[in-house]
C-alpha atoms as a PDB file:
ATOM      1  CA  MET A   1     -23.495  37.583  35.142  1.00  0.00           C
ATOM      2  CA  PRO A   2     -20.140  39.371  35.199  1.00  0.00           C
ATOM      3  CA  THR A   3     -16.949  37.742  35.852  1.00  0.00           C
ATOM      4  CA  SER A   4     -14.231  39.151  37.923  1.00  0.00           C
ATOM      5  CA  ASP A   5     -10.852  40.011  35.887  1.00  0.00           C
ATOM      6  CA  PRO A   6      -7.837  38.000  36.492  1.00  0.00           C
ATOM      7  CA  ALA A   7      -5.696  38.547  39.498  1.00  0.00           C
ATOM      8  CA  PRO A   8      -2.766  41.259  38.582  1.00  0.00           C
ATOM      9  CA  PHE A   9       0.125  39.480  37.573  1.00  0.00           C
ATOM     10  CA  THR A  10       3.375  39.615  39.675  1.00  0.00           C
ATOM     11  CA  PRO A  11       6.080  40.615  37.505  1.00  0.00           C
ATOM     12  CA  VAL A  12       9.202  38.235  37.686  1.00  0.00           C
ATOM     13  CA  PRO A  13      12.425  39.665  39.140  1.00  0.00           C
ATOM     14  CA  ASP A  14      15.403  39.927  37.180  1.00  0.00           C
ATOM     15  CA  PRO A  15      17.819  37.204  38.561  1.00  0.00           C
ATOM     16  CA  ARG A  16      20.629  39.101  37.301  1.00  0.00           C
ATOM     17  CA  PRO A  17      20.167  43.214  37.791  1.00  0.00           C
ATOM     18  CA  VAL A  18      24.180  43.735  37.488  1.00  0.00           C
ATOM     19  CA  ASP A  19      25.174  41.845  34.255  1.00  0.00           C
ATOM     20  CA  VAL A  20      27.982  41.543  31.867  1.00  0.00           C
ATOM     21  CA  PRO A  21      28.117  40.749  28.542  1.00  0.00           C
ATOM     22  CA  TRP A  22      28.254  37.190  27.468  1.00  0.00           C
ATOM     23  CA  PRO A  23      30.757  35.742  25.211  1.00  0.00           C
ATOM     24  CA  GLN A  24      30.172  34.562  21.806  1.00  0.00           C
ATOM     25  CA  MET A  25      28.778  31.206  21.386  1.00  0.00           C
ATOM     26  CA  ALA A  26      30.828  28.997  19.011  1.00  0.00           C
ATOM     27  CA  TRP A  27      28.724  27.605  15.745  1.00  0.00           C
ATOM     28  CA  PRO A  28      28.864  25.753  13.716  1.00  0.00           C
ATOM     29  CA  ILE A  29      30.515  22.325  15.276  1.00  0.00           C
ATOM     30  CA  PRO A  30      33.168  21.155  12.684  1.00  0.00           C
ATOM     31  CA  GLU A  31      32.475  18.416  10.339  1.00  0.00           C
ATOM     32  CA  GLY A  32      33.307  15.182  11.991  1.00  0.00           C
ATOM     33  CA  ALA A  33      33.468  15.652  15.465  1.00  0.00           C
ATOM     34  CA  GLU A  34      33.164  13.003  18.003  1.00  0.00           C
ATOM     35  CA  LEU A  35      32.299  13.196  21.705  1.00  0.00           C
ATOM     36  CA  PRO A  36      33.903  10.316  23.235  1.00  0.00           C
ATOM     37  CA  GLY A  37      32.870   8.701  26.598  1.00  0.00           C
ATOM     38  CA  SER A  38      32.988   5.520  28.998  1.00  0.00           C
ATOM     39  CA  TRP A  39      29.658   3.893  27.763  1.00  0.00           C
ATOM     40  CA  VAL A  40      28.708   5.751  24.493  1.00  0.00           C
ATOM     41  CA  ARG A  41      30.377   7.970  21.625  1.00  0.00           C
ATOM     42  CA  LEU A  42      28.534  10.591  20.110  1.00  0.00           C
ATOM     43  CA  SER A  43      29.820  10.997  15.979  1.00  0.00           C
ATOM     44  CA  THR A  44      28.567  13.660  13.891  1.00  0.00           C
ATOM     45  CA  LEU A  45      25.927  11.849  11.987  1.00  0.00           C
ATOM     46  CA  ASP A  46      26.287  11.042   8.039  1.00  0.00           C
ATOM     47  CA  PRO A  47      22.839  10.400   6.838  1.00  0.00           C
ATOM     48  CA  ALA A  48      24.124   8.103   4.010  1.00  0.00           C
ATOM     49  CA  ALA A  49      26.390   6.243   6.339  1.00  0.00           C
ATOM     50  CA  ASP A  50      24.255   5.828   9.329  1.00  0.00           C
ATOM     51  CA  ALA A  51      20.280   5.413   8.155  1.00  0.00           C
ATOM     52  CA  LEU A  52      20.400   2.088   7.825  1.00  0.00           C
ATOM     53  CA  ASP A  53      21.917   1.288  10.939  1.00  0.00           C
ATOM     54  CA  LEU A  54      19.798   3.849  12.816  1.00  0.00           C
ATOM     55  CA  PHE A  55      16.390   2.698  11.147  1.00  0.00           C
ATOM     56  CA  ARG A  56      17.125  -0.961  12.240  1.00  0.00           C
ATOM     57  CA  ALA A  57      17.980   0.405  16.088  1.00  0.00           C
ATOM     58  CA  LEU A  58      15.084   2.721  16.360  1.00  0.00           C
ATOM     59  CA  ASP A  59      12.348   0.432  14.465  1.00  0.00           C
ATOM     60  CA  HIS A  60       9.789  -0.013  17.464  1.00  0.00           C
ATOM     61  CA  ASP A  61       6.611   1.149  17.897  1.00  0.00           C
ATOM     62  CA  ARG A  62       7.525   2.310  21.654  1.00  0.00           C
ATOM     63  CA  VAL A  63      10.486   4.615  20.069  1.00  0.00           C
ATOM     64  CA  TRP A  64       8.122   6.769  17.970  1.00  0.00           C
ATOM     65  CA  ALA A  65       5.045   6.691  20.193  1.00  0.00           C
ATOM     66  CA  HIS A  66       5.367  10.662  20.897  1.00  0.00           C
ATOM     67  CA  VAL A  67       7.361  11.605  17.741  1.00  0.00           C
ATOM     68  CA  PRO A  68       5.170  13.571  14.965  1.00  0.00           C
ATOM     69  CA  TRP A  69       6.650  11.644  12.197  1.00  0.00           C
ATOM     70  CA  ARG A  70       7.891   7.995  11.766  1.00  0.00           C
ATOM     71  CA  PRO A  71       9.908   6.658   8.365  1.00  0.00           C
ATOM     72  CA  THR A  72       8.815   3.835   6.636  1.00  0.00           C
ATOM     73  CA  ASP A  73      11.857   2.703   5.227  1.00  0.00           C
ATOM     74  CA  PRO A  74      15.663   3.279   5.481  1.00  0.00           C
ATOM     75  CA  GLU A  75      15.580   5.781   2.569  1.00  0.00           C
ATOM     76  CA  SER A  76      12.631   8.063   3.909  1.00  0.00           C
ATOM     77  CA  PHE A  77      14.610   8.023   7.219  1.00  0.00           C
ATOM     78  CA  GLU A  78      18.183   9.112   5.392  1.00  0.00           C
ATOM     79  CA  GLU A  79      16.080  11.853   3.186  1.00  0.00           C
ATOM     80  CA  PHE A  80      15.123  13.305   6.539  1.00  0.00           C
ATOM     81  CA  LEU A  81      18.259  13.244   8.033  1.00  0.00           C
ATOM     82  CA  ARG A  82      19.918  14.785   5.209  1.00  0.00           C
ATOM     83  CA  VAL A  83      17.433  17.663   5.195  1.00  0.00           C
ATOM     84  CA  ARG A  84      17.994  18.036   8.803  1.00  0.00           C
ATOM     85  CA  SER A  85      21.840  18.129   8.561  1.00  0.00           C
ATOM     86  CA  ALA A  86      21.381  20.602   6.243  1.00  0.00           C
ATOM     87  CA  ASP A  87      20.126  23.117   8.777  1.00  0.00           C
ATOM     88  CA  PRO A  88      22.709  25.518   9.994  1.00  0.00           C
ATOM     89  CA  GLY A  89      20.686  25.549  13.765  1.00  0.00           C
ATOM     90  CA  TRP A  90      21.018  21.683  13.783  1.00  0.00           C
ATOM     91  CA  HIS A  91      23.733  19.406  14.476  1.00  0.00           C
ATOM     92  CA  GLN A  92      22.563  15.705  14.920  1.00  0.00           C
ATOM     93  CA  TRP A  93      24.518  12.959  16.186  1.00  0.00           C
ATOM     94  CA  THR A  94      24.642   9.046  16.111  1.00  0.00           C
ATOM     95  CA  VAL A  95      25.236   7.221  19.519  1.00  0.00           C
ATOM     96  CA  ARG A  96      27.222   4.147  19.551  1.00  0.00           C
ATOM     97  CA  THR A  97      27.949   1.969  22.537  1.00  0.00           C
ATOM     98  CA  VAL A  98      31.788   1.942  23.986  1.00  0.00           C
ATOM     99  CA  ARG A  99      31.193  -1.178  25.952  1.00  0.00           C
ATOM    100  CA  PRO A 100      28.261  -3.803  26.260  1.00  0.00           C
ATOM    101  CA  VAL A 101      25.036  -2.218  27.526  1.00  0.00           C
ATOM    102  CA  GLY A 102      22.411  -5.207  28.440  1.00  0.00           C
ATOM    103  CA  ASP A 103      21.831  -7.166  25.610  1.00  0.00           C
ATOM    104  CA  LEU A 104      23.607  -4.320  23.334  1.00  0.00           C
ATOM    105  CA  PRO A 105      27.408  -4.975  22.424  1.00  0.00           C
ATOM    106  CA  ALA A 106      30.313  -2.896  22.537  1.00  0.00           C
ATOM    107  CA  GLY A 107      30.208  -0.897  18.872  1.00  0.00           C
ATOM    108  CA  ALA A 108      26.210  -0.805  18.500  1.00  0.00           C
ATOM    109  CA  VAL A 109      24.638   2.256  17.215  1.00  0.00           C
ATOM    110  CA  VAL A 110      21.771   2.661  19.626  1.00  0.00           C
ATOM    111  CA  GLY A 111      20.204   5.825  19.188  1.00  0.00           C
ATOM    112  CA  THR A 112      20.418   9.417  17.785  1.00  0.00           C
ATOM    113  CA  THR A 113      20.066  12.740  19.334  1.00  0.00           C
ATOM    114  CA  ALA A 114      20.293  16.530  18.044  1.00  0.00           C
ATOM    115  CA  TYR A 115      21.622  19.845  19.145  1.00  0.00           C
ATOM    116  CA  LEU A 116      18.709  21.997  17.463  1.00  0.00           C
ATOM    117  CA  ASP A 117      16.959  25.547  17.467  1.00  0.00           C
ATOM    118  CA  VAL A 118      20.791  27.053  17.922  1.00  0.00           C
ATOM    119  CA  ALA A 119      20.580  30.388  18.416  1.00  0.00           C
ATOM    120  CA  PRO A 120      24.444  31.540  18.631  1.00  0.00           C
ATOM    121  CA  ARG A 121      23.867  35.467  18.839  1.00  0.00           C
ATOM    122  CA  ASP A 122      21.620  34.546  22.115  1.00  0.00           C
ATOM    123  CA  ALA A 123      23.972  31.860  23.241  1.00  0.00           C
ATOM    124  CA  ARG A 124      21.244  29.145  23.466  1.00  0.00           C
ATOM    125  CA  LEU A 125      20.438  25.860  22.141  1.00  0.00           C
ATOM    126  CA  GLU A 126      17.828  22.700  22.557  1.00  0.00           C
ATOM    127  CA  ILE A 127      18.749  19.025  22.866  1.00  0.00           C
ATOM    128  CA  GLY A 128      16.371  17.238  21.364  1.00  0.00           C
ATOM    129  CA  MET A 129      15.485  14.439  18.500  1.00  0.00           C
ATOM    130  CA  THR A 130      16.694  12.223  20.799  1.00  0.00           C
ATOM    131  CA  LEU A 131      15.514   8.346  20.312  1.00  0.00           C
ATOM    132  CA  TYR A 132      16.990   5.194  21.571  1.00  0.00           C
ATOM    133  CA  HIS A 133      16.992   1.428  20.909  1.00  0.00           C
ATOM    134  CA  PRO A 134      14.551   0.166  23.541  1.00  0.00           C
ATOM    135  CA  GLY A 135      17.426  -1.790  25.070  1.00  0.00           C
ATOM    136  CA  ALA A 136      19.069   1.494  25.686  1.00  0.00           C
ATOM    137  CA  TRP A 137      16.269   2.545  27.811  1.00  0.00           C
ATOM    138  CA  SER A 138      17.033   3.247  31.656  1.00  0.00           C
ATOM    139  CA  THR A 139      20.952   2.597  31.250  1.00  0.00           C
ATOM    140  CA  ALA A 140      24.140   4.783  31.508  1.00  0.00           C
ATOM    141  CA  VAL A 141      23.310   5.739  27.569  1.00  0.00           C
ATOM    142  CA  ASN A 142      20.930   8.332  28.136  1.00  0.00           C
ATOM    143  CA  PRO A 143      22.894  10.270  31.226  1.00  0.00           C
ATOM    144  CA  GLU A 144      26.243   9.844  29.767  1.00  0.00           C
ATOM    145  CA  ALA A 145      24.679  11.297  26.371  1.00  0.00           C
ATOM    146  CA  LYS A 146      23.465  14.292  28.046  1.00  0.00           C
ATOM    147  CA  LEU A 147      26.397  14.790  30.490  1.00  0.00           C
ATOM    148  CA  LEU A 148      28.937  14.798  26.840  1.00  0.00           C
ATOM    149  CA  LEU A 149      26.132  17.457  25.196  1.00  0.00           C
ATOM    150  CA  LEU A 150      25.726  19.420  27.859  1.00  0.00           C
ATOM    151  CA  ARG A 151      29.706  19.312  28.894  1.00  0.00           C
ATOM    152  CA  HIS A 152      30.107  20.273  24.996  1.00  0.00           C
ATOM    153  CA  ALA A 153      27.596  23.092  25.158  1.00  0.00           C
ATOM    154  CA  PHE A 154      28.753  24.635  28.174  1.00  0.00           C
ATOM    155  CA  GLU A 155      32.349  23.966  27.673  1.00  0.00           C
ATOM    156  CA  LYS A 156      33.311  24.472  24.468  1.00  0.00           C
ATOM    157  CA  LEU A 157      30.594  26.198  22.585  1.00  0.00           C
ATOM    158  CA  ASN A 158      29.917  28.825  25.359  1.00  0.00           C
ATOM    159  CA  ALA A 159      26.250  28.404  25.486  1.00  0.00           C
ATOM    160  CA  GLY A 160      24.468  30.029  28.867  1.00  0.00           C
ATOM    161  CA  ARG A 161      21.412  28.126  27.911  1.00  0.00           C
ATOM    162  CA  VAL A 162      20.141  24.281  27.097  1.00  0.00           C
ATOM    163  CA  GLN A 163      16.594  23.773  26.953  1.00  0.00           C
ATOM    164  CA  LEU A 164      14.889  20.303  26.495  1.00  0.00           C
ATOM    165  CA  LYS A 165      11.388  19.720  26.013  1.00  0.00           C
ATOM    166  CA  THR A 166       8.794  16.590  25.372  1.00  0.00           C
ATOM    167  CA  ASP A 167       5.159  15.633  25.020  1.00  0.00           C
ATOM    168  CA  VAL A 168       3.143  16.088  27.911  1.00  0.00           C
ATOM    169  CA  ARG A 169       2.108  12.582  27.363  1.00  0.00           C
ATOM    170  CA  ASN A 170       5.705  11.536  27.371  1.00  0.00           C
ATOM    171  CA  THR A 171       5.793  11.016  31.299  1.00  0.00           C
ATOM    172  CA  ARG A 172       8.936   8.687  30.964  1.00  0.00           C
ATOM    173  CA  SER A 173      10.878  11.593  28.903  1.00  0.00           C
ATOM    174  CA  GLN A 174       9.595  14.427  31.415  1.00  0.00           C
ATOM    175  CA  GLN A 175      11.218  12.268  34.120  1.00  0.00           C
ATOM    176  CA  ALA A 176      14.417  11.456  32.725  1.00  0.00           C
ATOM    177  CA  ILE A 177      14.830  15.107  31.715  1.00  0.00           C
ATOM    178  CA  ALA A 178      14.018  16.142  35.617  1.00  0.00           C
ATOM    179  CA  ARG A 179      16.384  13.158  36.759  1.00  0.00           C
ATOM    180  CA  LEU A 180      19.214  15.222  34.791  1.00  0.00           C
ATOM    181  CA  GLY A 181      18.562  18.329  37.069  1.00  0.00           C
ATOM    182  CA  ALA A 182      17.057  20.416  34.418  1.00  0.00           C
ATOM    183  CA  GLN A 183      14.629  22.954  35.748  1.00  0.00           C
ATOM    184  CA  TYR A 184      10.872  22.708  34.621  1.00  0.00           C
ATOM    185  CA  GLU A 185       9.937  26.293  33.140  1.00  0.00           C
ATOM    186  CA  GLY A 186       6.493  25.415  32.410  1.00  0.00           C
ATOM    187  CA  THR A 187       4.351  24.063  29.841  1.00  0.00           C
ATOM    188  CA  LEU A 188       3.639  25.271  26.070  1.00  0.00           C
ATOM    189  CA  ARG A 189       0.130  24.778  25.419  1.00  0.00           C
ATOM    190  CA  ARG A 190      -1.165  23.680  22.254  1.00  0.00           C
ATOM    191  CA  SER A 191       2.288  23.772  20.876  1.00  0.00           C
ATOM    192  CA  PHE A 192       2.895  21.611  17.895  1.00  0.00           C
ATOM    193  CA  ARG A 193       0.656  19.056  15.816  1.00  0.00           C
ATOM    194  CA  ARG A 194       1.176  15.254  16.718  1.00  0.00           C
ATOM    195  CA  GLU A 195       0.950  12.529  13.660  1.00  0.00           C
ATOM    196  CA  ASP A 196      -2.363  11.796  14.526  1.00  0.00           C
ATOM    197  CA  GLY A 197      -3.344  15.297  13.774  1.00  0.00           C
ATOM    198  CA  THR A 198      -3.686  16.464  17.702  1.00  0.00           C
ATOM    199  CA  VAL A 199      -1.833  19.045  18.912  1.00  0.00           C
ATOM    200  CA  ARG A 200       0.125  18.713  21.930  1.00  0.00           C
ATOM    201  CA  ASP A 201       1.431  20.776  25.089  1.00  0.00           C
ATOM    202  CA  SER A 202       5.220  20.545  25.437  1.00  0.00           C
ATOM    203  CA  VAL A 203       6.725  20.218  28.719  1.00  0.00           C
ATOM    204  CA  LEU A 204       9.485  22.591  29.033  1.00  0.00           C
ATOM    205  CA  PHE A 205      12.755  21.973  30.877  1.00  0.00           C
ATOM    206  CA  SER A 206      16.149  24.029  31.057  1.00  0.00           C
ATOM    207  CA  ILE A 207      19.800  24.128  32.664  1.00  0.00           C
ATOM    208  CA  THR A 208      21.790  27.322  32.231  1.00  0.00           C
ATOM    209  CA  VAL A 209      25.464  27.734  32.588  1.00  0.00           C
ATOM    210  CA  ASP A 210      24.789  28.788  36.708  1.00  0.00           C
ATOM    211  CA  ASP A 211      22.965  25.439  36.667  1.00  0.00           C
ATOM    212  CA  TRP A 212      25.797  23.465  35.171  1.00  0.00           C
ATOM    213  CA  PRO A 213      28.094  22.542  37.996  1.00  0.00           C
ATOM    214  CA  THR A 214      25.493  20.933  39.853  1.00  0.00           C
ATOM    215  CA  VAL A 215      24.109  19.092  37.083  1.00  0.00           C
ATOM    216  CA  ARG A 216      27.744  17.905  35.955  1.00  0.00           C
ATOM    217  CA  ASP A 217      28.587  16.598  39.603  1.00  0.00           C
ATOM    218  CA  ARG A 218      24.850  14.878  39.766  1.00  0.00           C
ATOM    219  CA  LEU A 219      25.383  13.091  36.536  1.00  0.00           C
ATOM    220  CA  THR A 220      29.167  12.206  36.938  1.00  0.00           C
ATOM    221  CA  ARG A 221      28.464  10.213  40.209  1.00  0.00           C
ATOM    222  CA  ARG A 222      25.179   8.851  38.765  1.00  0.00           C
ATOM    223  CA  LEU A 223      27.561   7.388  36.424  1.00  0.00           C
ATOM    224  CA  GLY A 224      30.129   6.287  38.524  1.00  0.00           C
ATOM    225  CA  LEU A 225      32.769   8.843  37.155  1.00  0.00           C
ATOM    226  CA  SER A 226      34.912  11.004  38.985  1.00  0.00           C
ATOM    227  CA  ALA A 227      33.203  14.590  39.804  1.00  0.00           C
ATOM    228  CA  GLY A 228      34.502  16.963  37.027  1.00  0.00           C
ATOM    229  CA  SER A 229      36.646  14.555  35.115  1.00  0.00           C
ATOM    230  CA  ASP A 230      36.113  13.652  31.513  1.00  0.00           C
ATOM    231  CA  PRO A 231      34.045  10.675  30.779  1.00  0.00           C
ATOM    232  CA  ALA A 232      36.337   9.374  28.384  1.00  0.00           C
END
């Protein structure tokens, strides 16, 4: 039986038909960079110094449930972080508390996050490889870390686009990304392999420089800060 052709595709209109050149994106980030906040401080990850504390903080099954690889010991984690740190399109951060968060004391290593797939020519990057101790979930840790990363990306690096993506099965992560004010762009079907050999779909979100003022104000209100103020 013959099947009908798909409906004609309606082309997407250009949202910026009259555009101007975008300034050059600043990259790489200087060694030893830090992003200080009221609840957390992000510092450039040092594999040798941070791997053990990170391994201990993240050694929970729930943390790695949607990650395609899990370290078996601090040494393998340090090697993984060392390889990642050598990637010119990757900048990994260690997340530490500035004040107590739940049962987590001030100064504790509570997780890691990264800029990755950085494309300076196109003024875009991704925020990913974000892992936190379960005690930091549903606290100020992630929203402030994202505020610090987004502010640095848009206001210091001159990024025009920041994207975030997560496993279609990771509904908690999808909801957390959406609460930031990121826009759902679509689902990348069968995008890469999970640890168990299955191939996941990835849910894609983005925040552009046009969205940034609204996202910034939403996050500062959520954290109880003054809109537009530095978190530190």
